[in-house]
């Protein structure tokens, strides 16, 4: 049996990106830049998965 992966909710991908960015921010000793990087990463991942879902729905 093949289980399909359920896509992450957009809020989840933003939270994961924010956590990763915050880690970078702490490592670089510049938390605001890390937060910005994290939000950008989360938004990019969310948009990318949305495009993949739309392609699957069209097929």
N, C-alpha and C. Protein backbone atom coordinates (compact mmCIF):
# COMPACT_ATOMS: atom_id res chain seq x y z
N UNK A 1 0.83 -1.18 0.00
CA UNK A 1 0.00 0.00 0.00
C UNK A 1 0.88 1.25 0.00
N UNK A 2 0.47 2.17 -0.79
CA UNK A 2 1.23 3.41 -0.88
C UNK A 2 0.48 4.51 -0.13
N UNK A 3 1.16 5.11 0.81
CA UNK A 3 0.56 6.22 1.54
C UNK A 3 1.02 7.52 0.92
N UNK A 4 0.06 8.38 0.64
CA UNK A 4 0.41 9.68 0.09
C UNK A 4 0.81 10.61 1.22
N UNK A 5 1.82 11.43 0.95
CA UNK A 5 2.23 12.42 1.93
C UNK A 5 1.20 13.54 1.97
N UNK A 6 0.84 13.93 3.15
CA UNK A 6 -0.04 15.08 3.28
C UNK A 6 0.83 16.33 3.29
N UNK A 7 0.49 17.32 2.48
CA UNK A 7 1.31 18.53 2.45
C UNK A 7 1.18 19.30 3.76
N UNK A 8 2.22 20.04 4.08
CA UNK A 8 2.19 20.86 5.28
C UNK A 8 1.24 22.03 5.09
N UNK A 9 0.59 22.40 6.14
CA UNK A 9 -0.23 23.60 6.14
C UNK A 9 0.72 24.80 5.99
N UNK A 10 0.33 25.86 5.29
CA UNK A 10 1.24 26.99 5.09
C UNK A 10 1.81 27.55 6.40
N UNK A 11 1.04 27.52 7.45
CA UNK A 11 1.54 28.00 8.73
C UNK A 11 2.65 27.13 9.29
N UNK A 12 2.58 25.83 9.00
CA UNK A 12 3.62 24.93 9.48
C UNK A 12 4.94 25.19 8.77
N UNK A 13 4.90 25.40 7.48
CA UNK A 13 6.15 25.64 6.75
C UNK A 13 6.76 26.98 7.15
N UNK A 14 5.93 27.96 7.43
CA UNK A 14 6.46 29.24 7.91
C UNK A 14 7.10 29.09 9.29
N UNK A 15 6.49 28.30 10.14
CA UNK A 15 7.05 28.08 11.47
C UNK A 15 8.38 27.34 11.41
N UNK A 16 8.47 26.36 10.54
CA UNK A 16 9.72 25.62 10.38
C UNK A 16 10.81 26.55 9.83
N UNK A 17 10.46 27.34 8.82
CA UNK A 17 11.42 28.30 8.27
C UNK A 17 11.86 29.31 9.30
N UNK A 18 10.93 29.78 10.10
CA UNK A 18 11.26 30.75 11.14
C UNK A 18 12.21 30.14 12.17
N UNK A 19 11.97 28.91 12.55
CA UNK A 19 12.86 28.24 13.51
C UNK A 19 14.27 28.09 12.94
N UNK A 20 14.36 27.70 11.67
CA UNK A 20 15.68 27.56 11.05
C UNK A 20 16.37 28.92 10.95
N UNK A 21 15.62 29.93 10.53
CA UNK A 21 16.18 31.27 10.44
C UNK A 21 16.61 31.82 11.79
N UNK A 22 15.83 31.52 12.80
CA UNK A 22 16.20 31.97 14.15
C UNK A 22 17.49 31.31 14.59
N UNK A 23 17.66 30.05 14.24
CA UNK A 23 18.92 29.36 14.55
C UNK A 23 20.09 30.04 13.86
N UNK A 24 19.89 30.41 12.57
CA UNK A 24 20.95 31.13 11.87
C UNK A 24 21.21 32.49 12.52
N UNK A 25 20.14 33.15 12.93
CA UNK A 25 20.29 34.45 13.56
C UNK A 25 21.06 34.39 14.86
N UNK A 26 20.79 33.38 15.66
CA UNK A 26 21.53 33.22 16.91
C UNK A 26 22.99 32.90 16.63
N UNK A 27 23.23 32.06 15.62
CA UNK A 27 24.61 31.69 15.27
C UNK A 27 25.38 32.90 14.76
N UNK A 28 24.70 33.78 14.00
CA UNK A 28 25.37 34.97 13.45
C UNK A 28 25.35 36.14 14.43
N UNK A 29 24.70 35.97 15.57
CA UNK A 29 24.52 37.02 16.58
C UNK A 29 23.78 38.22 15.99
N UNK A 30 22.79 37.93 15.15
CA UNK A 30 21.95 38.96 14.54
C UNK A 30 20.55 38.38 14.36
N UNK A 31 19.78 38.37 15.42
CA UNK A 31 18.48 37.71 15.43
C UNK A 31 17.49 38.32 14.44
N UNK A 32 17.38 39.64 14.29
CA UNK A 32 16.41 40.17 13.32
C UNK A 32 16.67 39.71 11.88
N UNK A 33 17.92 39.63 11.48
CA UNK A 33 18.23 39.15 10.13
C UNK A 33 17.85 37.68 10.02
N UNK A 34 18.10 36.91 11.06
CA UNK A 34 17.74 35.50 11.06
C UNK A 34 16.24 35.29 10.92
N UNK A 35 15.47 36.12 11.60
CA UNK A 35 14.01 36.03 11.49
C UNK A 35 13.56 36.33 10.07
N UNK A 36 14.15 37.36 9.46
CA UNK A 36 13.80 37.69 8.07
C UNK A 36 14.16 36.55 7.13
N UNK A 37 15.32 35.97 7.31
CA UNK A 37 15.73 34.83 6.49
C UNK A 37 14.76 33.67 6.68
N UNK A 38 14.38 33.41 7.90
CA UNK A 38 13.46 32.31 8.19
C UNK A 38 12.10 32.49 7.57
N UNK A 39 11.57 33.69 7.64
CA UNK A 39 10.26 33.96 7.03
C UNK A 39 10.35 33.79 5.51
N UNK A 40 11.45 34.27 4.93
CA UNK A 40 11.63 34.12 3.48
C UNK A 40 11.73 32.65 3.09
N UNK A 41 12.48 31.86 3.85
CA UNK A 41 12.60 30.43 3.56
C UNK A 41 11.25 29.73 3.69
N UNK A 42 10.53 30.03 4.75
CA UNK A 42 9.22 29.41 4.95
C UNK A 42 8.23 29.77 3.86
N UNK A 43 8.23 31.03 3.45
CA UNK A 43 7.32 31.47 2.39
C UNK A 43 7.68 30.82 1.05
N UNK A 44 8.98 30.72 0.78
CA UNK A 44 9.42 30.09 -0.47
C UNK A 44 9.03 28.62 -0.49
N UNK A 45 9.22 27.93 0.62
CA UNK A 45 8.86 26.51 0.68
C UNK A 45 7.35 26.33 0.53
N UNK A 46 6.61 27.19 1.18
CA UNK A 46 5.15 27.11 1.10
C UNK A 46 4.67 27.34 -0.33
N UNK A 47 5.24 28.33 -1.01
CA UNK A 47 4.85 28.61 -2.39
C UNK A 47 5.23 27.46 -3.32
N UNK A 48 6.39 26.86 -3.07
CA UNK A 48 6.85 25.76 -3.91
C UNK A 48 5.94 24.55 -3.76
N UNK A 49 5.55 24.21 -2.56
CA UNK A 49 4.68 23.06 -2.36
C UNK A 49 3.28 23.34 -2.91
N UNK A 50 2.84 24.58 -2.86
CA UNK A 50 1.54 24.94 -3.43
C UNK A 50 1.54 24.71 -4.94
N UNK A 51 2.64 25.08 -5.61
CA UNK A 51 2.73 24.88 -7.05
C UNK A 51 2.71 23.39 -7.40
N UNK A 52 3.40 22.59 -6.60
CA UNK A 52 3.42 21.14 -6.85
C UNK A 52 2.03 20.53 -6.67
N UNK A 53 1.28 21.01 -5.66
CA UNK A 53 -0.08 20.51 -5.45
C UNK A 53 -0.98 20.88 -6.62
N UNK A 54 -0.82 22.11 -7.12
CA UNK A 54 -1.64 22.55 -8.25
C UNK A 54 -1.36 21.72 -9.50
N UNK A 55 -0.10 21.36 -9.72
CA UNK A 55 0.25 20.51 -10.87
C UNK A 55 -0.40 19.15 -10.74
N UNK A 56 -0.38 18.57 -9.54
CA UNK A 56 -0.98 17.26 -9.33
C UNK A 56 -2.49 17.30 -9.52
N UNK A 57 -3.11 18.39 -9.12
CA UNK A 57 -4.56 18.52 -9.27
C UNK A 57 -4.97 18.64 -10.73
N UNK A 58 -4.14 19.25 -11.55
CA UNK A 58 -4.46 19.43 -12.97
C UNK A 58 -4.34 18.12 -13.74
N UNK A 59 -3.47 17.24 -13.27
CA UNK A 59 -3.26 15.98 -13.99
C UNK A 59 -4.32 14.98 -13.75
